[in-house]
Amino acid sequence: MGKDILVIDKKDGRGRPIFDFTPKILDQIKELASYMCSKQEIGRIIGCSESTIQRNQLAQEAYRDWE
């Protein structure tokens, strides 16, 4: 019994666009974290949700490594 796998193509224009954590955005996260901004506040400033920051490994590292 084979199972069919449905491949979802995100280029079809539907759904929320993927947020791209560029080096500039990561630097901004570090800077805002150094001012003791919460992830929720940072998300509002850079244009994504707190959960997007929490799910992204690079964003998490930028948030923790501001020191």
C-alpha atoms as a PDB file:
ATOM      1  CA  MET A   1       0.000   0.000   0.000  1.00  0.00           C
ATOM      2  CA  GLY A   2       1.776   3.113  -1.173  1.00  0.00           C
ATOM      3  CA  LYS A   3       0.868   6.492   0.208  1.00  0.00           C
ATOM      4  CA  ASP A   4       0.740   9.535  -1.982  1.00  0.00           C
ATOM      5  CA  ILE A   5       2.692  12.534  -0.752  1.00  0.00           C
ATOM      6  CA  LEU A   6       1.213  15.952  -1.385  1.00  0.00           C
ATOM      7  CA  VAL A   7       3.864  18.550  -2.138  1.00  0.00           C
ATOM      8  CA  ILE A   8       2.790  22.069  -1.299  1.00  0.00           C
ATOM      9  CA  ASP A   9       4.261  24.752  -3.527  1.00  0.00           C
ATOM     10  CA  LYS A  10       4.502  28.061  -1.647  1.00  0.00           C
ATOM     11  CA  LYS A  11       5.054  29.947  -4.915  1.00  0.00           C
ATOM     12  CA  ASP A  12       1.374  29.802  -5.842  1.00  0.00           C
ATOM     13  CA  GLY A  13       0.688  33.148  -4.143  1.00  0.00           C
ATOM     14  CA  ARG A  14      -1.582  31.845  -1.422  1.00  0.00           C
ATOM     15  CA  GLY A  15      -0.948  32.034   2.296  1.00  0.00           C
ATOM     16  CA  ARG A  16       1.240  34.258   4.370  1.00  0.00           C
ATOM     17  CA  PRO A  17       4.621  35.118   2.829  1.00  0.00           C
ATOM     18  CA  ILE A  18       7.700  33.532   4.389  1.00  0.00           C
ATOM     19  CA  PHE A  19       9.646  35.962   6.598  1.00  0.00           C
ATOM     20  CA  ASP A  20      13.307  36.214   5.575  1.00  0.00           C
ATOM     21  CA  PHE A  21      15.794  36.799   8.394  1.00  0.00           C
ATOM     22  CA  THR A  22      18.488  38.686   6.498  1.00  0.00           C
ATOM     23  CA  PRO A  23      21.800  39.638   8.144  1.00  0.00           C
ATOM     24  CA  LYS A  24      20.454  43.192   8.487  1.00  0.00           C
ATOM     25  CA  ILE A  25      17.341  41.933  10.339  1.00  0.00           C
ATOM     26  CA  LEU A  26      19.481  39.703  12.589  1.00  0.00           C
ATOM     27  CA  ASP A  27      21.687  42.685  13.485  1.00  0.00           C
ATOM     28  CA  GLN A  28      18.550  44.673  14.272  1.00  0.00           C
ATOM     29  CA  ILE A  29      17.335  41.872  16.568  1.00  0.00           C
ATOM     30  CA  LYS A  30      20.678  41.940  18.424  1.00  0.00           C
ATOM     31  CA  GLU A  31      20.511  45.710  18.810  1.00  0.00           C
ATOM     32  CA  LEU A  32      16.911  45.716  20.029  1.00  0.00           C
ATOM     33  CA  ALA A  33      17.647  42.863  22.456  1.00  0.00           C
ATOM     34  CA  SER A  34      20.504  44.923  23.885  1.00  0.00           C
ATOM     35  CA  TYR A  35      17.905  47.583  24.734  1.00  0.00           C
ATOM     36  CA  MET A  36      15.997  44.854  26.617  1.00  0.00           C
ATOM     37  CA  CYS A  37      13.152  44.692  24.085  1.00  0.00           C
ATOM     38  CA  SER A  38      10.992  41.580  24.351  1.00  0.00           C
ATOM     39  CA  LYS A  39      10.539  39.204  21.401  1.00  0.00           C
ATOM     40  CA  GLN A  40       7.011  40.521  21.010  1.00  0.00           C
ATOM     41  CA  GLU A  41       8.265  44.124  20.768  1.00  0.00           C
ATOM     42  CA  ILE A  42      11.023  43.137  18.341  1.00  0.00           C
ATOM     43  CA  GLY A  43       8.501  41.278  16.190  1.00  0.00           C
ATOM     44  CA  ARG A  44       6.297  44.346  15.955  1.00  0.00           C
ATOM     45  CA  ILE A  45       9.260  46.485  14.920  1.00  0.00           C
ATOM     46  CA  ILE A  46      10.673  44.136  12.267  1.00  0.00           C
ATOM     47  CA  GLY A  47       7.281  42.969  10.978  1.00  0.00           C
ATOM     48  CA  CYS A  48       6.834  39.406  12.174  1.00  0.00           C
ATOM     49  CA  SER A  49       5.259  37.629  15.122  1.00  0.00           C
ATOM     50  CA  GLU A  50       6.952  36.561  18.335  1.00  0.00           C
ATOM     51  CA  SER A  51       6.381  32.922  17.387  1.00  0.00           C
ATOM     52  CA  THR A  52       8.239  33.466  14.093  1.00  0.00           C
ATOM     53  CA  ILE A  53      11.262  34.645  16.071  1.00  0.00           C
ATOM     54  CA  GLN A  54      10.954  31.680  18.429  1.00  0.00           C
ATOM     55  CA  ARG A  55      10.787  29.158  15.563  1.00  0.00           C
ATOM     56  CA  ASN A  56      13.819  30.503  13.690  1.00  0.00           C
ATOM     57  CA  GLN A  57      17.200  29.280  14.984  1.00  0.00           C
ATOM     58  CA  LEU A  58      19.173  32.247  13.608  1.00  0.00           C
ATOM     59  CA  ALA A  59      16.761  34.736  15.161  1.00  0.00           C
ATOM     60  CA  GLN A  60      16.974  32.925  18.517  1.00  0.00           C
ATOM     61  CA  GLU A  61      20.765  33.051  18.419  1.00  0.00           C
ATOM     62  CA  ALA A  62      20.710  36.755  17.534  1.00  0.00           C
ATOM     63  CA  TYR A  63      18.353  37.434  20.432  1.00  0.00           C
ATOM     64  CA  ARG A  64      20.559  35.545  22.914  1.00  0.00           C
ATOM     65  CA  ASP A  65      23.945  36.710  21.593  1.00  0.00           C
ATOM     66  CA  TRP A  66      23.505  40.450  21.923  1.00  0.00           C
ATOM     67  CA  GLU A  67      25.960  40.634  24.817  1.00  0.00           C
END
